[in-house]
Amino acid sequence: MKLIFASNNQHKIEEMRSILGNRFDVVSLKEAGIDIDIPEPHDTLEANASEKAKVIYEMTGVNCFSEDTGLEVYALNGEPGVKSARYAGEGRSFDANIEKLLINLAGKADRRARFRAVISLLIDGKEILFEGICEGKIIDEKRGNGGFGYDPVFVPEASARTFAEMSREEKANYSHRARAAEKLVAFLNKA
């Protein structure tokens, strides 16, 4: 089954392809000849994921899915949340976002956080949402060279290593995106 993944983020595209394997033909926006940056104007991950999938489905008529992820830090009342990619500004700098996060957490004992991913699947015009959550904590300094985003400061529960210290396969054992994608795959296998 061919599915357009409504994303320009190469890291996410590679991760989703790795998770979905060769059971599905996952086509990126670039591969589909679509050169747009879809806005994420909403206050929830669900609404942003829906927006992206609907835009691509309306443009192409092809079954598609999109994903929105946020890091939710308990001591910061859920920040950066839906603004995770632009936490330190519109430049989408991973380093600046991490720096702002660590400054805002300075002196706070509660370091609990979670990654939450929402996938919106539009298949034959019908939308289905899938959610994946990974609980963990934020550490004081970056560790590891892999991954992207907040991966160098996020340690998932039941691990001593950050996402950035793990291989893609190891990360998939904990990943919020992998958990949401597994629900997506289970649904598609039934459909």
Protein backbone atom coordinates (compact mmCIF):
# COMPACT_ATOMS: atom_id res chain seq x y z
CA MET A 1 0.00 0.00 0.00
CA LYS A 2 1.29 3.44 -0.96
CA LEU A 3 1.10 6.10 1.74
CA ILE A 4 2.34 9.67 1.52
CA PHE A 5 4.00 10.75 4.76
CA ALA A 6 3.17 14.45 5.15
CA SER A 7 6.59 15.47 6.42
CA ASN A 8 9.69 17.30 5.25
CA ASN A 9 11.68 16.10 8.28
CA GLN A 10 14.21 13.59 6.93
CA HIS A 11 14.91 12.20 10.43
CA LYS A 12 11.22 11.39 10.93
CA ILE A 13 10.91 9.95 7.43
CA GLU A 14 13.84 7.58 8.01
CA GLU A 15 12.53 6.60 11.45
CA MET A 16 9.01 5.88 10.14
CA ARG A 17 10.37 3.85 7.22
CA SER A 18 12.47 1.85 9.64
CA ILE A 19 9.43 1.20 11.86
CA LEU A 20 6.99 0.39 9.04
CA GLY A 21 9.51 -1.72 7.15
CA ASN A 22 8.81 -2.82 3.60
CA ARG A 23 5.18 -3.68 4.25
CA PHE A 24 4.14 -0.22 3.06
CA ASP A 25 5.45 2.10 0.36
CA VAL A 26 6.07 5.26 2.40
CA VAL A 27 6.55 8.25 0.09
CA SER A 28 7.89 11.54 1.43
CA LEU A 29 6.47 14.90 0.34
CA LYS A 30 9.59 15.52 -1.73
CA GLU A 31 9.29 12.13 -3.46
CA ALA A 32 5.62 12.89 -4.17
CA GLY A 33 6.68 16.15 -5.85
CA ILE A 34 5.09 18.27 -3.14
CA ASP A 35 7.19 21.26 -2.09
CA ILE A 36 5.27 22.95 0.70
CA ASP A 37 5.79 23.56 4.38
CA ILE A 38 2.43 22.86 6.01
CA PRO A 39 1.69 25.22 8.91
CA GLU A 40 1.14 23.86 12.41
CA PRO A 41 -1.07 26.64 13.83
CA HIS A 42 -3.06 24.65 16.36
CA ASP A 43 -2.78 24.24 20.14
CA THR A 44 -2.78 20.44 20.13
CA LEU A 45 -0.69 17.72 18.54
CA GLU A 46 -3.90 16.06 17.33
CA ALA A 47 -5.10 19.17 15.46
CA ASN A 48 -1.68 19.80 13.87
CA ALA A 49 -1.37 16.17 12.72
CA SER A 50 -4.90 16.33 11.28
CA GLU A 51 -4.17 19.59 9.47
CA LYS A 52 -1.10 18.20 7.73
CA ALA A 53 -2.81 14.97 6.63
CA LYS A 54 -5.90 16.80 5.37
CA VAL A 55 -3.87 19.27 3.30
CA ILE A 56 -1.98 16.46 1.56
CA TYR A 57 -5.06 14.28 1.05
CA GLU A 58 -6.98 17.22 -0.47
CA MET A 59 -4.02 17.99 -2.78
CA THR A 60 -3.42 14.43 -3.95
CA GLY A 61 -6.38 12.18 -3.19
CA VAL A 62 -3.78 9.61 -2.08
CA ASN A 63 -3.98 7.85 1.28
CA CYS A 64 -1.57 9.58 3.62
CA PHE A 65 -0.52 10.09 7.19
CA SER A 66 1.14 12.79 9.22
CA GLU A 67 2.65 12.97 12.64
CA ASP A 68 3.16 15.61 15.28
CA THR A 69 5.28 15.12 18.36
CA GLY A 70 5.85 17.11 21.48
CA LEU A 71 8.08 16.88 24.51
CA GLU A 72 5.94 17.49 27.61
CA VAL A 73 7.89 18.36 30.77
CA TYR A 74 5.88 18.00 33.97
CA ALA A 75 7.67 20.73 35.96
CA LEU A 76 7.08 23.17 33.10
CA ASN A 77 3.33 22.53 32.90
CA GLY A 78 3.69 20.50 29.72
CA GLU A 79 6.10 22.82 27.90
CA PRO A 80 7.43 22.85 25.27
CA GLY A 81 4.58 20.58 24.09
CA VAL A 82 3.07 21.51 20.75
CA LYS A 83 5.78 24.19 20.35
CA SER A 84 8.66 21.69 20.76
CA ALA A 85 10.25 22.31 17.34
CA ARG A 86 10.11 26.10 17.76
CA TYR A 87 10.60 26.35 21.53
CA ALA A 88 13.52 28.79 21.22
CA GLY A 89 12.10 30.57 18.16
CA GLU A 90 11.17 30.06 14.52
CA GLY A 91 14.69 28.96 13.56
CA ARG A 92 13.98 25.37 14.71
CA SER A 93 17.44 24.98 16.24
CA PHE A 94 17.84 21.73 18.19
CA ASP A 95 20.70 23.21 20.24
CA ALA A 96 18.81 26.43 21.07
CA ASN A 97 15.71 24.44 22.06
CA ILE A 98 17.73 22.21 24.39
CA GLU A 99 19.53 25.21 25.88
CA LYS A 100 16.21 26.96 26.63
CA LEU A 101 14.78 23.75 28.12
CA LEU A 102 17.76 23.26 30.44
CA ILE A 103 17.66 26.93 31.53
CA ASN A 104 13.93 26.64 32.32
CA LEU A 105 14.55 23.43 34.30
CA ALA A 106 17.50 24.82 36.28
CA GLY A 107 16.99 24.25 40.00
CA LYS A 108 13.91 22.05 39.52
CA ALA A 109 14.03 18.65 41.21
CA ASP A 110 11.25 17.14 39.09
CA ARG A 111 12.85 16.19 35.77
CA ARG A 112 10.05 13.89 34.57
CA ALA A 113 9.02 14.32 30.96
CA ARG A 114 7.35 12.43 28.20
CA PHE A 115 7.42 12.40 24.44
CA ARG A 116 3.96 12.15 22.92
CA ALA A 117 3.34 11.46 19.24
CA VAL A 118 0.05 11.59 17.37
CA ILE A 119 -0.34 10.09 13.90
CA SER A 120 -3.27 11.11 11.70
CA LEU A 121 -4.07 8.58 8.99
CA LEU A 122 -6.39 9.58 6.16
CA ILE A 123 -7.46 6.49 4.27
CA ASP A 124 -10.24 6.68 1.69
CA GLY A 125 -11.19 10.06 3.16
CA LYS A 126 -11.64 8.76 6.72
CA GLU A 127 -9.35 9.93 9.54
CA ILE A 128 -8.04 7.72 12.34
CA LEU A 129 -5.71 9.00 15.09
CA PHE A 130 -3.04 6.95 16.86
CA GLU A 131 -1.10 8.05 19.96
CA GLY A 132 2.22 6.88 21.35
CA ILE A 133 3.81 7.95 24.65
CA CYS A 134 7.29 7.45 26.06
CA GLU A 135 7.83 8.44 29.69
CA GLY A 136 11.28 9.45 30.87
CA LYS A 137 13.33 12.30 32.30
CA ILE A 138 15.48 15.23 31.23
CA ILE A 139 19.15 15.14 32.22
CA ASP A 140 21.38 18.18 32.88
CA GLU A 141 23.69 17.89 29.88
CA LYS A 142 23.67 16.48 26.36
CA ARG A 143 24.90 12.92 25.82
CA GLY A 144 25.23 11.02 22.54
CA ASN A 145 25.54 11.85 18.88
CA GLY A 146 22.53 10.07 17.38
CA GLY A 147 18.90 11.01 17.02
CA PHE A 148 17.62 14.57 16.71
CA GLY A 149 15.68 17.20 18.62
CA TYR A 150 15.71 16.66 22.37
CA ASP A 151 17.18 13.12 22.09
CA PRO A 152 20.55 14.09 23.71
CA VAL A 153 18.85 15.11 27.00
CA PHE A 154 15.96 12.62 27.17
CA VAL A 155 16.40 9.30 29.00
CA PRO A 156 13.42 6.94 28.62
CA GLU A 157 12.14 4.94 31.60
CA ALA A 158 13.94 1.61 32.09
CA SER A 159 17.10 2.95 30.42
CA ALA A 160 20.24 4.69 31.61
CA ARG A 161 21.02 6.07 28.14
CA THR A 162 19.61 8.98 26.18
CA PHE A 163 17.85 8.48 22.86
CA ALA A 164 20.94 10.07 21.25
CA GLU A 165 23.11 7.26 22.67
CA MET A 166 20.94 4.55 21.09
CA SER A 167 20.84 3.06 17.61
CA ARG A 168 17.63 3.62 15.63
CA GLU A 169 16.62 0.02 16.42
CA GLU A 170 17.20 0.47 20.17
CA LYS A 171 15.30 3.75 20.20
CA ALA A 172 12.35 2.06 18.48
CA ASN A 173 11.99 -0.19 21.56
CA TYR A 174 11.03 2.89 23.61
CA SER A 175 9.97 5.45 21.04
CA HIS A 176 6.68 7.32 21.24
CA ARG A 177 6.66 7.50 17.44
CA ALA A 178 7.26 3.74 17.19
CA ARG A 179 4.39 3.07 19.62
CA ALA A 180 2.01 5.22 17.57
CA ALA A 181 3.30 3.63 14.34
CA GLU A 182 2.71 0.12 15.71
CA LYS A 183 -0.95 1.05 16.25
CA LEU A 184 -1.04 2.45 12.70
CA VAL A 185 0.43 -0.79 11.29
CA ALA A 186 -1.99 -2.95 13.29
CA PHE A 187 -4.89 -0.93 11.88
CA LEU A 188 -3.59 -1.11 8.30
CA ASN A 189 -3.01 -4.86 8.55
CA LYS A 190 -6.67 -5.32 9.51
CA ALA A 191 -7.98 -2.95 6.82
